[in-house]
Protein backbone atom coordinates (compact mmCIF):
# COMPACT_ATOMS: atom_id res chain seq x y z
CA MET A 1 -9.38 9.55 28.80
CA ARG A 2 -12.34 11.15 27.16
CA ASP A 3 -11.55 14.43 28.44
CA LEU A 4 -7.95 13.97 27.22
CA PHE A 5 -9.28 12.94 23.80
CA ARG A 6 -11.60 15.98 23.57
CA ALA A 7 -8.69 18.23 24.52
CA GLU A 8 -6.44 16.88 21.98
CA TRP A 9 -9.28 17.13 19.22
CA LEU A 10 -9.88 20.74 20.11
CA LYS A 11 -6.27 21.30 20.11
CA ILE A 12 -5.88 19.93 16.57
CA ALA A 13 -9.03 21.65 15.37
CA GLY A 14 -7.69 24.83 16.85
CA ASN A 15 -4.92 25.12 14.14
CA ARG A 16 -7.45 26.51 11.94
CA TRP A 17 -5.12 27.54 9.04
CA VAL A 18 -3.14 24.39 9.12
CA ALA A 19 -6.34 22.24 9.37
CA SER A 20 -8.05 24.28 6.56
CA CYS A 21 -5.22 24.24 4.17
CA LEU A 22 -4.19 20.62 4.59
CA ILE A 23 -7.32 18.80 5.67
CA TRP A 24 -10.57 20.71 5.12
CA ILE A 25 -9.33 21.63 1.70
CA PHE A 26 -10.28 18.17 0.44
CA PRO A 27 -14.15 18.49 1.31
CA MET A 28 -14.05 21.97 -0.11
CA MET A 29 -12.34 20.76 -3.36
CA ALA A 30 -15.42 18.31 -3.59
CA VAL A 31 -17.86 21.05 -3.47
CA GLY A 32 -15.85 23.43 -5.75
CA LEU A 33 -15.30 20.87 -8.58
CA THR A 34 -19.03 19.72 -8.26
CA ILE A 35 -19.86 23.46 -8.81
CA VAL A 36 -17.72 24.08 -11.80
CA MET A 37 -18.56 20.76 -13.53
CA GLY A 38 -22.25 21.46 -12.66
CA LEU A 39 -22.11 24.80 -14.46
CA ILE A 40 -20.24 23.48 -17.47
CA LEU A 41 -22.88 20.64 -17.93
CA ALA A 42 -25.74 23.12 -17.49
CA LEU A 43 -24.42 25.62 -19.99
CA SER A 44 -23.01 23.10 -22.67
CA SER A 45 -24.99 20.66 -24.50
CA ASP A 46 -21.91 19.05 -25.93
CA ALA A 47 -20.57 18.57 -22.33
CA ARG A 48 -23.77 16.95 -21.35
CA THR A 49 -23.52 14.66 -24.34
CA GLY A 50 -19.96 13.74 -23.71
CA PHE A 51 -20.72 13.20 -19.97
CA SER A 52 -23.73 10.87 -20.69
CA GLN A 53 -21.85 8.63 -23.08
CA ASP A 54 -20.40 6.75 -20.17
CA ASP A 55 -23.36 5.39 -18.40
CA THR A 56 -21.43 3.49 -15.67
CA TYR A 57 -21.21 6.02 -13.15
CA ARG A 58 -21.57 4.27 -9.74
CA TRP A 59 -22.18 6.19 -6.45
CA THR A 60 -20.28 3.21 -4.70
CA ASP A 61 -17.21 3.80 -6.73
CA ASN A 62 -17.23 7.54 -5.91
CA ALA A 63 -17.79 7.19 -2.37
CA ILE A 64 -14.82 4.60 -1.96
CA GLY A 65 -12.63 6.23 -4.60
CA VAL A 66 -12.21 9.34 -2.50
CA TRP A 67 -10.25 7.10 0.14
CA SER A 68 -7.50 6.63 -2.29
CA ILE A 69 -6.24 10.13 -1.70
CA PRO A 70 -4.63 9.71 1.72
CA ASN A 71 -3.05 6.61 0.55
CA ASN A 72 -1.12 7.70 -2.61
CA PRO A 73 2.22 9.35 -2.39
CA ILE A 74 1.11 12.93 -2.70
CA GLY A 75 -1.81 12.36 -0.24
CA ARG A 76 0.56 10.92 2.22
CA LEU A 77 3.02 13.89 1.93
CA ILE A 78 0.05 16.27 2.71
CA LEU A 79 -0.94 14.36 5.63
CA LEU A 80 2.66 14.17 6.81
CA GLY A 81 2.80 17.92 6.63
CA PHE A 82 -0.30 18.21 8.95
CA THR A 83 0.90 15.52 11.41
CA ALA A 84 4.38 17.26 11.60
CA VAL A 85 2.72 20.38 12.69
CA VAL A 86 0.51 18.63 15.17
CA PHE A 87 3.39 16.89 16.90
CA ALA A 88 6.55 18.95 16.28
CA GLY A 89 4.28 22.06 17.32
CA GLU A 90 4.01 20.63 20.97
CA TYR A 91 7.88 21.25 21.21
CA GLN A 92 8.02 24.52 19.39
CA TRP A 93 5.07 26.11 21.27
CA PRO A 94 6.25 24.48 24.67
CA THR A 95 2.72 23.01 25.26
CA TRP A 96 4.23 19.64 26.38
CA LYS A 97 5.52 21.35 29.46
CA ASN A 98 2.00 22.24 30.75
CA VAL A 99 0.40 18.85 29.70
CA VAL A 100 2.90 16.18 30.41
CA PRO A 101 3.31 16.64 34.26
CA ARG A 102 -0.47 16.17 34.64
CA ASN A 103 -0.93 13.17 32.60
CA ARG A 104 0.70 9.68 31.84
CA ARG A 105 3.04 9.92 28.83
CA VAL A 106 1.94 6.77 27.22
CA ALA A 107 -1.70 7.58 27.48
CA LEU A 108 -0.99 11.02 26.23
CA ILE A 109 0.79 9.87 23.05
CA LEU A 110 -1.75 7.26 22.21
CA ILE A 111 -4.61 9.67 22.65
CA LYS A 112 -2.80 12.08 20.18
CA PHE A 113 -2.41 9.33 17.58
CA LEU A 114 -6.06 8.44 17.86
CA ALA A 115 -7.41 11.96 17.90
CA LEU A 116 -5.22 12.86 14.75
CA GLY A 117 -6.24 9.74 12.89
CA GLY A 118 -10.01 10.30 13.79
CA PHE A 119 -9.74 13.93 12.66
CA VAL A 120 -8.27 13.09 9.15
CA VAL A 121 -10.94 10.23 8.70
CA LEU A 122 -13.79 12.56 9.57
CA ALA A 123 -12.64 15.02 6.89
CA PHE A 124 -12.61 12.35 4.26
CA VAL A 125 -15.91 10.88 5.25
CA LEU A 126 -17.38 14.41 4.69
CA MET A 127 -15.48 14.58 1.43
CA SER A 128 -16.86 11.09 0.22
CA ILE A 129 -20.40 12.22 1.13
CA LEU A 130 -20.13 15.46 -0.66
CA TRP A 131 -18.34 13.95 -3.81
CA THR A 132 -20.86 11.16 -4.02
CA LEU A 133 -23.82 13.48 -3.79
CA GLY A 134 -22.28 15.90 -6.10
CA TRP A 135 -21.88 13.29 -8.81
CA GLY A 136 -25.52 12.44 -8.31
CA LEU A 137 -26.37 16.01 -9.12
CA LEU A 138 -24.10 15.93 -12.26
CA THR A 139 -25.85 12.74 -13.60
CA GLN A 140 -29.14 14.37 -12.95
CA ILE A 141 -28.06 17.39 -14.99
CA ALA A 142 -26.58 15.24 -17.70
CA GLY A 143 -29.64 12.84 -17.78
CA THR A 144 -27.64 9.71 -17.23
CA SER A 145 -27.86 6.75 -14.62
CA TYR A 146 -26.12 6.66 -11.37
CA GLY A 147 -26.23 3.11 -10.00
CA PRO A 148 -26.38 0.66 -8.45
CA HIS A 149 -29.89 0.38 -7.05
CA ILE A 150 -29.77 0.36 -3.35
CA THR A 151 -30.33 -3.36 -2.05
CA GLY A 152 -29.46 -5.11 1.11
CA LYS A 153 -26.65 -6.97 -0.75
CA VAL A 154 -25.29 -3.78 -2.37
CA LEU A 155 -25.34 -1.94 1.04
CA SER A 156 -23.50 -4.83 2.71
CA GLU A 157 -20.79 -5.02 0.05
CA PHE A 158 -20.36 -1.24 0.03
CA ALA A 159 -20.19 -1.02 3.90
CA GLU A 160 -17.39 -3.72 3.93
CA ASP A 161 -15.32 -1.90 1.36
CA TYR A 162 -16.01 1.61 2.77
CA VAL A 163 -14.89 0.52 6.31
CA LEU A 164 -11.66 -1.17 4.86
CA ALA A 165 -10.90 2.06 2.78
CA ALA A 166 -11.52 4.24 5.84
CA GLY A 167 -9.46 1.91 7.96
CA LEU A 168 -6.64 2.17 5.36
CA ALA A 169 -6.82 6.02 5.47
CA PHE A 170 -6.59 5.75 9.28
CA THR A 171 -3.55 3.60 8.96
CA SER A 172 -1.81 5.88 6.58
CA THR A 173 -2.38 8.76 8.92
CA ILE A 174 -0.95 6.96 11.84
CA ILE A 175 2.20 5.81 9.94
CA SER A 176 2.71 9.43 8.83
CA ALA A 177 2.10 10.61 12.46
CA GLY A 178 4.58 8.02 13.48
CA TYR A 179 7.30 9.48 11.21
CA ALA A 180 6.29 13.14 12.16
CA ALA A 181 6.42 12.15 15.96
CA LEU A 182 9.86 10.64 15.63
CA ALA A 183 11.05 13.65 13.61
CA GLY A 184 9.44 16.05 16.09
CA MET A 185 11.36 14.41 18.95
CA LEU A 186 14.64 14.84 17.27
CA THR A 187 14.28 18.30 15.88
CA ARG A 188 11.86 19.81 18.34
CA SER A 189 10.57 22.15 15.58
CA ILE A 190 7.81 22.15 12.96
CA LEU A 191 10.12 22.84 10.05
CA GLY A 192 12.47 20.12 11.12
CA GLY A 193 9.63 17.64 11.62
CA VAL A 194 8.27 18.31 8.23
CA LEU A 195 11.69 18.02 6.47
CA VAL A 196 12.84 14.90 8.30
CA GLY A 197 9.20 13.33 7.91
CA PHE A 198 9.22 14.12 4.08
CA GLY A 199 12.73 12.77 3.78
CA LEU A 200 11.62 9.45 5.59
CA THR A 201 8.59 9.14 3.46
CA LEU A 202 10.64 9.86 0.15
CA ALA A 203 13.26 7.45 1.12
CA GLU A 204 10.60 4.80 1.73
CA GLY A 205 9.17 5.27 -1.75
CA PHE A 206 12.62 5.37 -3.53
CA SER A 207 14.10 2.65 -1.55
CA ILE A 208 13.23 0.24 -4.44
CA LEU A 209 16.06 1.93 -6.42
CA ALA A 210 18.53 1.44 -3.65
CA LEU A 211 17.47 -2.13 -3.38
CA LEU A 212 17.83 -2.67 -7.14
CA LEU A 213 21.28 -1.30 -7.13
CA ILE A 214 22.34 -3.50 -4.02
CA GLY A 215 20.87 -6.52 -5.71
CA TRP A 216 22.70 -5.86 -8.99
CA PHE A 217 26.10 -5.22 -7.44
CA THR A 218 25.86 -8.23 -5.04
CA ASP A 219 24.25 -10.51 -7.60
CA PHE A 220 21.49 -11.06 -5.10
CA PRO A 221 18.11 -10.00 -6.83
CA GLU A 222 16.06 -11.38 -3.95
CA ILE A 223 16.90 -8.50 -1.73
CA VAL A 224 14.30 -6.36 -3.56
CA HIS A 225 11.73 -8.41 -1.76
CA ALA A 226 12.42 -6.20 1.32
CA TYR A 227 10.25 -3.61 -0.46
CA ARG A 228 7.32 -5.68 0.18
CA PHE A 229 7.55 -5.00 3.81
CA LEU A 230 7.43 -1.23 3.68
CA PRO A 231 4.33 0.91 3.99
CA PHE A 232 4.51 2.64 0.62
CA TYR A 233 4.04 -0.74 -1.33
CA ASN A 234 1.30 -2.17 1.00
CA LEU A 235 -0.75 0.96 1.05
CA ILE A 236 -1.04 0.92 -2.73
CA ASN A 237 -1.47 -2.84 -2.86
CA VAL A 238 -4.40 -2.63 -0.47
CA SER A 239 -5.79 0.31 -2.57
CA SER A 240 -5.58 -1.91 -5.58
CA TRP A 241 -7.52 -4.69 -3.94
CA LEU A 242 -10.20 -2.31 -3.05
CA THR A 243 -10.73 -0.59 -6.18
CA GLU A 244 -9.81 -3.38 -8.73
CA ASN A 245 -10.16 -6.55 -6.43
CA LYS A 246 -6.69 -7.70 -7.42
CA PRO A 247 -3.18 -7.25 -6.17
CA LEU A 248 -0.85 -4.55 -7.53
CA ALA A 249 1.31 -6.93 -9.50
CA MET A 250 4.31 -4.73 -9.38
CA GLN A 251 7.54 -5.75 -11.37
CA PRO A 252 10.70 -3.92 -10.08
CA SER A 253 12.55 -4.46 -13.39
CA GLU A 254 11.45 -6.34 -16.72
CA GLU A 255 15.24 -7.00 -17.60
CA GLY A 256 18.21 -8.70 -16.18
CA ILE A 257 18.40 -10.68 -12.97
CA PHE A 258 15.21 -9.07 -11.81
CA ALA A 259 13.03 -10.12 -14.58
CA ASP A 260 11.59 -13.06 -12.75
CA ILE A 261 10.55 -11.08 -9.54
CA ILE A 262 6.95 -9.78 -9.41
CA PHE A 263 5.25 -8.44 -6.30
CA SER A 264 1.73 -9.66 -6.09
CA ASP A 265 0.67 -10.01 -2.59
CA SER A 266 -2.52 -10.97 -0.96
CA LEU A 267 -4.89 -8.45 0.92
CA ALA A 268 -4.12 -10.22 4.16
CA PHE A 269 -0.40 -9.85 3.65
CA SER A 270 -0.55 -6.14 3.31
CA VAL A 271 -2.97 -5.62 6.11
CA ALA A 272 -0.53 -7.64 8.38
CA VAL A 273 2.49 -5.57 7.38
CA LEU A 274 0.64 -2.26 7.76
CA ALA A 275 -0.64 -3.32 11.30
CA ALA A 276 3.03 -4.24 12.23
CA TRP A 277 4.19 -0.90 11.16
CA VAL A 278 1.36 0.94 13.09
CA VAL A 279 2.04 -1.03 16.28
CA GLY A 280 5.90 -0.67 15.84
CA LEU A 281 5.66 3.15 15.27
CA ILE A 282 3.34 3.90 18.14
CA THR A 283 5.42 1.60 20.52
CA LEU A 284 8.70 3.32 19.53
CA THR A 285 7.25 6.65 19.89
CA ALA A 286 5.76 5.83 23.24
CA VAL A 287 8.97 4.39 24.58
CA LEU A 288 11.06 7.33 23.32
CA PHE A 289 8.57 9.93 24.65
CA ARG A 290 8.59 8.28 28.17
CA ARG A 291 12.42 8.66 28.30
CA GLN A 292 12.62 12.20 26.80
CA ASP A 293 13.27 15.23 28.81
CA ILE A 294 10.51 17.70 27.95
CA THR A 295 11.99 20.55 29.80
């Protein structure tokens, strides 16, 4: 299993242009933005004054805030493009034909999910480190504080939030990979995998509109509660719990029959729903992959 994981990791990293443009671009952006902002602060006293007016910069917020990127709609689409190349590319570059006969299919697909998720998490760990250190440099240039002071309690709370944020990014990646894997199996091409995967992700996000229409025409407003069981809503809800320590409190519509409906779910609820999606997508992918004719 370790050799299989290493082979998958090297295969993912070997797509240098794709990995650089869709994954490694995030750590590079952290460095680039830090350099640009540092030059502005170093050369402009007005910029330093404006920057130092807000003395609430916290390294904990910067380190955890980075993890909101793979969980928002744009970040999910970028991850989906990357995962589509990784999965659908196996069909377009007929590598499955060489790998599958020598390995169990279920183990192969599970390792691919694991390696892909780990690869993305590693990139964002690097970005969070660079971004946190970069803001530390900016606060030094501007002459403002950068708390909180490191104590056992601060580190303990930070570690708990950081692990949860990283786990959420891993979950978002696995869900995107599940969409991409299913799309790749159907289309057997990278472009088809990207288009179908994008379509599934966008349909998931905008499904609230369809549910509102169905509820309005059928006079059954409670149907919009189905949106609470989709990854899109729960990823944002968990992010809200991480960054603001409160639920998303989403109201589909402020007027008409939907006025009394508000989504305000607990962290445990969203985590459970996301876990169910991860297990379900991986299981479905593995079952279909076992039955598929690779040749």
